[in-house]
Amino acid sequence: MAGNRFRDEGVEALYAVWVISCHLLIGIAALCGVWIVDRVIHLLWPGTEPILFGRVPLRMVIETADGGILIVFLGFGLYRVARTVIRSSL
């Protein structure tokens, strides 16, 4: 009986590592996508910093998107890991 418990906990730990790894990879891919869009926009409008709607610098929009992606993917990944750990300890 004790051997099954350790095996089950090992599987849960591997699942937690898998979940956080997947979220990190998807987050990195999303950040790379935002970076590519930023580069393309700078290639289309060389010279000055593009301004959206006459008020908002594009750099601010890109940085907000980066922060949002990090918060959502890392936060949700950590939530899933915590949920897995709590469920396995019950």
C-alpha atoms as a PDB file:
ATOM      1  CA  MET A   1       0.000   0.000   0.000  1.00  0.00           C
ATOM      2  CA  ALA A   2       2.794   2.460   0.866  1.00  0.00           C
ATOM      3  CA  GLY A   3       4.567   1.746  -2.424  1.00  0.00           C
ATOM      4  CA  ASN A   4       1.477   2.775  -4.378  1.00  0.00           C
ATOM      5  CA  ARG A   5       1.255   6.021  -2.431  1.00  0.00           C
ATOM      6  CA  PHE A   6       4.830   6.983  -3.309  1.00  0.00           C
ATOM      7  CA  ARG A   7       4.280   6.033  -6.940  1.00  0.00           C
ATOM      8  CA  ASP A   8       1.079   8.091  -7.061  1.00  0.00           C
ATOM      9  CA  GLU A   9       2.847  11.085  -5.495  1.00  0.00           C
ATOM     10  CA  GLY A  10       5.653  10.713  -8.006  1.00  0.00           C
ATOM     11  CA  VAL A  11       3.140  10.742 -10.853  1.00  0.00           C
ATOM     12  CA  GLU A  12       1.468  13.833  -9.374  1.00  0.00           C
ATOM     13  CA  ALA A  13       4.847  15.573  -9.047  1.00  0.00           C
ATOM     14  CA  LEU A  14       5.710  14.760 -12.661  1.00  0.00           C
ATOM     15  CA  TYR A  15       2.296  16.049 -13.723  1.00  0.00           C
ATOM     16  CA  ALA A  16       2.910  19.300 -11.831  1.00  0.00           C
ATOM     17  CA  VAL A  17       6.298  19.718 -13.535  1.00  0.00           C
ATOM     18  CA  TRP A  18       4.668  18.940 -16.896  1.00  0.00           C
ATOM     19  CA  VAL A  19       1.935  21.559 -16.352  1.00  0.00           C
ATOM     20  CA  ILE A  20       4.320  24.346 -15.358  1.00  0.00           C
ATOM     21  CA  SER A  21       6.687  23.440 -18.229  1.00  0.00           C
ATOM     22  CA  CYS A  22       3.856  23.597 -20.763  1.00  0.00           C
ATOM     23  CA  HIS A  23       2.718  26.961 -19.449  1.00  0.00           C
ATOM     24  CA  LEU A  24       6.266  28.295 -19.597  1.00  0.00           C
ATOM     25  CA  LEU A  25       6.727  27.109 -23.184  1.00  0.00           C
ATOM     26  CA  ILE A  26       3.401  28.561 -24.324  1.00  0.00           C
ATOM     27  CA  GLY A  27       4.193  31.817 -22.532  1.00  0.00           C
ATOM     28  CA  ILE A  28       7.604  31.992 -24.214  1.00  0.00           C
ATOM     29  CA  ALA A  29       5.998  31.331 -27.607  1.00  0.00           C
ATOM     30  CA  ALA A  30       3.438  34.100 -26.978  1.00  0.00           C
ATOM     31  CA  LEU A  31       6.178  36.534 -25.931  1.00  0.00           C
ATOM     32  CA  CYS A  32       8.128  35.678 -29.086  1.00  0.00           C
ATOM     33  CA  GLY A  33       4.993  36.343 -31.121  1.00  0.00           C
ATOM     34  CA  VAL A  34       4.578  39.766 -29.525  1.00  0.00           C
ATOM     35  CA  TRP A  35       8.262  40.502 -30.178  1.00  0.00           C
ATOM     36  CA  ILE A  36       7.874  39.527 -33.862  1.00  0.00           C
ATOM     37  CA  VAL A  37       4.840  41.807 -34.227  1.00  0.00           C
ATOM     38  CA  ASP A  38       6.844  44.622 -32.624  1.00  0.00           C
ATOM     39  CA  ARG A  39       9.732  44.095 -35.063  1.00  0.00           C
ATOM     40  CA  VAL A  40       7.400  43.999 -38.086  1.00  0.00           C
ATOM     41  CA  ILE A  41       5.714  47.234 -37.013  1.00  0.00           C
ATOM     42  CA  HIS A  42       9.106  48.905 -36.566  1.00  0.00           C
ATOM     43  CA  LEU A  43      10.130  47.708 -40.036  1.00  0.00           C
ATOM     44  CA  LEU A  44       6.943  49.199 -41.531  1.00  0.00           C
ATOM     45  CA  TRP A  45       7.372  52.543 -39.708  1.00  0.00           C
ATOM     46  CA  PRO A  46      11.131  53.205 -39.571  1.00  0.00           C
ATOM     47  CA  GLY A  47      12.595  56.151 -37.759  1.00  0.00           C
ATOM     48  CA  THR A  48      10.266  57.381 -35.031  1.00  0.00           C
ATOM     49  CA  GLU A  49       8.340  55.455 -32.414  1.00  0.00           C
ATOM     50  CA  PRO A  50       4.831  54.650 -33.722  1.00  0.00           C
ATOM     51  CA  ILE A  51       2.016  56.349 -31.810  1.00  0.00           C
ATOM     52  CA  LEU A  52      -1.427  54.728 -31.655  1.00  0.00           C
ATOM     53  CA  PHE A  53      -4.512  56.964 -31.747  1.00  0.00           C
ATOM     54  CA  GLY A  54      -2.268  60.003 -31.531  1.00  0.00           C
ATOM     55  CA  ARG A  55      -1.569  59.431 -27.824  1.00  0.00           C
ATOM     56  CA  VAL A  56      -0.315  55.954 -26.896  1.00  0.00           C
ATOM     57  CA  PRO A  57       3.239  54.937 -27.819  1.00  0.00           C
ATOM     58  CA  LEU A  58       3.427  51.472 -29.333  1.00  0.00           C
ATOM     59  CA  ARG A  59       6.171  50.549 -26.849  1.00  0.00           C
ATOM     60  CA  MET A  60       3.664  50.927 -23.995  1.00  0.00           C
ATOM     61  CA  VAL A  61       1.184  48.585 -25.712  1.00  0.00           C
ATOM     62  CA  ILE A  62       3.905  45.965 -26.348  1.00  0.00           C
ATOM     63  CA  GLU A  63       5.138  46.114 -22.745  1.00  0.00           C
ATOM     64  CA  THR A  64       1.581  45.781 -21.440  1.00  0.00           C
ATOM     65  CA  ALA A  65       1.022  42.734 -23.655  1.00  0.00           C
ATOM     66  CA  ASP A  66       4.275  41.182 -22.374  1.00  0.00           C
ATOM     67  CA  GLY A  67       3.274  41.756 -18.766  1.00  0.00           C
ATOM     68  CA  GLY A  68      -0.219  40.402 -19.323  1.00  0.00           C
ATOM     69  CA  ILE A  69       1.113  37.249 -20.957  1.00  0.00           C
ATOM     70  CA  LEU A  70       3.539  36.635 -18.102  1.00  0.00           C
ATOM     71  CA  ILE A  71       0.901  37.184 -15.441  1.00  0.00           C
ATOM     72  CA  VAL A  72      -1.741  35.021 -17.109  1.00  0.00           C
ATOM     73  CA  PHE A  73       0.394  32.058 -18.143  1.00  0.00           C
ATOM     74  CA  LEU A  74       2.645  31.893 -15.088  1.00  0.00           C
ATOM     75  CA  GLY A  75      -0.218  32.632 -12.703  1.00  0.00           C
ATOM     76  CA  PHE A  76      -2.494  30.020 -14.225  1.00  0.00           C
ATOM     77  CA  GLY A  77       0.370  27.502 -14.364  1.00  0.00           C
ATOM     78  CA  LEU A  78       1.171  28.021 -10.696  1.00  0.00           C
ATOM     79  CA  TYR A  79      -2.520  27.728  -9.861  1.00  0.00           C
ATOM     80  CA  ARG A  80      -2.707  24.372 -11.672  1.00  0.00           C
ATOM     81  CA  VAL A  81       0.418  23.126  -9.877  1.00  0.00           C
ATOM     82  CA  ALA A  82      -0.946  24.206  -6.491  1.00  0.00           C
ATOM     83  CA  ARG A  83      -4.273  22.543  -7.247  1.00  0.00           C
ATOM     84  CA  THR A  84      -2.463  19.312  -8.174  1.00  0.00           C
ATOM     85  CA  VAL A  85      -0.379  19.392  -4.982  1.00  0.00           C
ATOM     86  CA  ILE A  86      -3.415  20.077  -2.787  1.00  0.00           C
ATOM     87  CA  ARG A  87      -5.437  17.346  -4.504  1.00  0.00           C
ATOM     88  CA  SER A  88      -2.623  14.819  -4.055  1.00  0.00           C
ATOM     89  CA  SER A  89      -2.242  15.636  -0.348  1.00  0.00           C
ATOM     90  CA  LEU A  90      -5.908  14.958   0.423  1.00  0.00           C
END
